[in-house]
Amino acid sequence: MKKILMVCTGNKDRSPTAAMVLAEMCAPMWVTSAGTEPWAKNQVNLELVEEADVICVMEEAHRRFIVERFGDAHAEKIVVLEVADNYICWEDELVQILKRKLRDALGISNQQRREP
């Protein structure tokens, strides 16, 4: 089972939404979310970074944070989604952006989607 880590700044809006969207979009993937700031709900740590097969970050700053904090060895598994910090959790526009970007970044086809 592929393990996906979603990362944003505070783990309040973008990365939790991305984790939930991905969980709804496709089957066998383990997904969780974390933030880069000390006040984040779930702060990104070495264990999460090492366990993840793919790390989807919302901004280039999050990629730099992970590489600087946890080393270059993890750089190749980081995907920058380029999702600005302009949204609140489950905002319709954020969900639509994430669906498109996650499909592209993770190579998820429409056939892999779970039907409601």
Protein backbone atom coordinates (compact mmCIF):
# COMPACT_ATOMS: atom_id res chain seq x y z
CA MET A 1 0.00 0.00 0.00
CA LYS A 2 1.43 3.37 -1.03
CA LYS A 3 1.88 5.86 1.84
CA ILE A 4 1.17 9.53 1.10
CA LEU A 5 1.98 12.45 3.40
CA MET A 6 0.28 15.81 2.78
CA VAL A 7 2.10 18.87 4.17
CA CYS A 8 1.11 22.51 4.58
CA THR A 9 1.96 25.17 7.15
CA GLY A 10 -0.44 24.69 10.05
CA ASN A 11 -2.16 21.41 9.17
CA LYS A 12 -5.50 23.18 9.53
CA ASP A 13 -6.87 23.70 6.03
CA ARG A 14 -4.95 22.59 2.93
CA SER A 15 -3.19 19.38 3.97
CA PRO A 16 -6.12 17.90 5.96
CA THR A 17 -8.43 18.68 3.03
CA ALA A 18 -5.94 17.08 0.62
CA ALA A 19 -5.74 13.96 2.79
CA MET A 20 -9.52 13.64 2.93
CA VAL A 21 -9.92 14.32 -0.81
CA LEU A 22 -7.31 11.69 -1.66
CA ALA A 23 -8.94 9.16 0.67
CA GLU A 24 -12.22 9.69 -1.19
CA MET A 25 -10.61 9.57 -4.63
CA CYS A 26 -8.79 6.30 -4.65
CA ALA A 27 -8.41 2.94 -3.05
CA PRO A 28 -5.30 1.39 -1.60
CA MET A 29 -3.37 4.34 -0.23
CA TRP A 30 -2.53 5.23 3.34
CA VAL A 31 -2.71 8.99 3.74
CA THR A 32 -2.06 11.45 6.55
CA SER A 33 -1.30 15.14 6.90
CA ALA A 34 1.06 17.35 8.86
CA GLY A 35 2.24 20.96 9.14
CA THR A 36 5.65 22.61 9.20
CA GLU A 37 5.04 25.06 12.03
CA PRO A 38 5.52 24.23 15.73
CA TRP A 39 1.86 25.15 16.35
CA ALA A 40 0.57 22.79 13.65
CA LYS A 41 -2.14 20.32 14.71
CA ASN A 42 0.14 17.45 13.64
CA GLN A 43 3.73 18.61 13.15
CA VAL A 44 5.76 16.96 10.40
CA ASN A 45 8.46 14.73 11.88
CA LEU A 46 11.17 12.35 10.75
CA GLU A 47 9.01 9.26 11.25
CA LEU A 48 6.26 10.60 8.95
CA VAL A 49 8.79 11.69 6.33
CA GLU A 50 10.64 8.37 6.37
CA GLU A 51 7.44 6.28 6.21
CA ALA A 52 5.97 8.20 3.28
CA ASP A 53 6.43 6.94 -0.26
CA VAL A 54 5.28 10.31 -1.61
CA ILE A 55 5.19 13.67 0.19
CA CYS A 56 2.79 16.19 -1.36
CA VAL A 57 3.56 19.70 -0.18
CA MET A 58 1.42 22.73 -0.88
CA GLU A 59 4.26 25.21 -1.53
CA GLU A 60 7.95 25.28 -2.43
CA ALA A 61 8.69 26.58 1.11
CA HIS A 62 7.37 23.30 2.53
CA ARG A 63 9.69 21.30 0.24
CA ARG A 64 12.66 23.37 1.40
CA PHE A 65 11.65 22.89 5.04
CA ILE A 66 11.56 19.10 4.70
CA VAL A 67 14.89 18.93 2.86
CA GLU A 68 16.62 21.29 5.30
CA ARG A 69 15.17 19.58 8.39
CA PHE A 70 15.29 15.93 7.34
CA GLY A 71 17.90 15.77 4.58
CA ASP A 72 18.29 15.52 0.82
CA ALA A 73 17.52 11.80 0.86
CA HIS A 74 13.81 12.64 0.96
CA ALA A 75 13.85 15.27 -1.81
CA GLU A 76 13.07 12.85 -4.64
CA LYS A 77 9.77 11.79 -3.10
CA ILE A 78 8.46 15.36 -2.64
CA VAL A 79 5.85 16.73 -5.04
CA VAL A 80 5.04 20.47 -4.88
CA LEU A 81 1.34 21.00 -5.62
CA GLU A 82 1.50 24.83 -5.72
CA VAL A 83 -1.67 25.44 -3.70
CA ALA A 84 -1.66 28.91 -2.15
CA ASP A 85 -2.70 29.52 1.45
CA ASN A 86 -5.94 31.21 0.37
CA TYR A 87 -8.48 28.59 1.39
CA ILE A 88 -10.28 27.16 4.37
CA CYS A 89 -10.80 23.46 5.07
CA TRP A 90 -13.23 21.81 2.59
CA GLU A 91 -13.79 25.00 0.60
CA ASP A 92 -15.27 23.94 -2.77
CA GLU A 93 -12.59 25.66 -4.84
CA LEU A 94 -9.82 24.06 -2.73
CA VAL A 95 -11.38 20.60 -3.15
CA GLN A 96 -11.60 21.00 -6.94
CA ILE A 97 -8.01 22.26 -7.20
CA LEU A 98 -6.73 19.41 -5.04
CA LYS A 99 -8.62 16.74 -6.99
CA ARG A 100 -7.02 17.88 -10.23
CA LYS A 101 -3.53 18.35 -8.82
CA LEU A 102 -3.54 15.08 -6.88
CA ARG A 103 -4.73 13.13 -9.93
CA ASP A 104 -1.88 14.61 -11.96
CA ALA A 105 0.80 14.32 -9.26
CA LEU A 106 -0.03 10.76 -8.24
CA GLY A 107 -1.15 9.41 -11.60
CA ILE A 108 -4.65 8.56 -10.40
CA SER A 109 -7.10 7.68 -13.12
CA ASN A 110 -10.84 8.16 -12.92
CA GLN A 111 -11.23 4.36 -12.79
CA GLN A 112 -9.46 4.32 -9.41
CA ARG A 113 -12.05 6.62 -7.88
CA ARG A 114 -14.38 5.15 -5.31
CA GLU A 115 -18.01 5.61 -6.08
CA PRO A 116 -20.11 7.15 -3.25
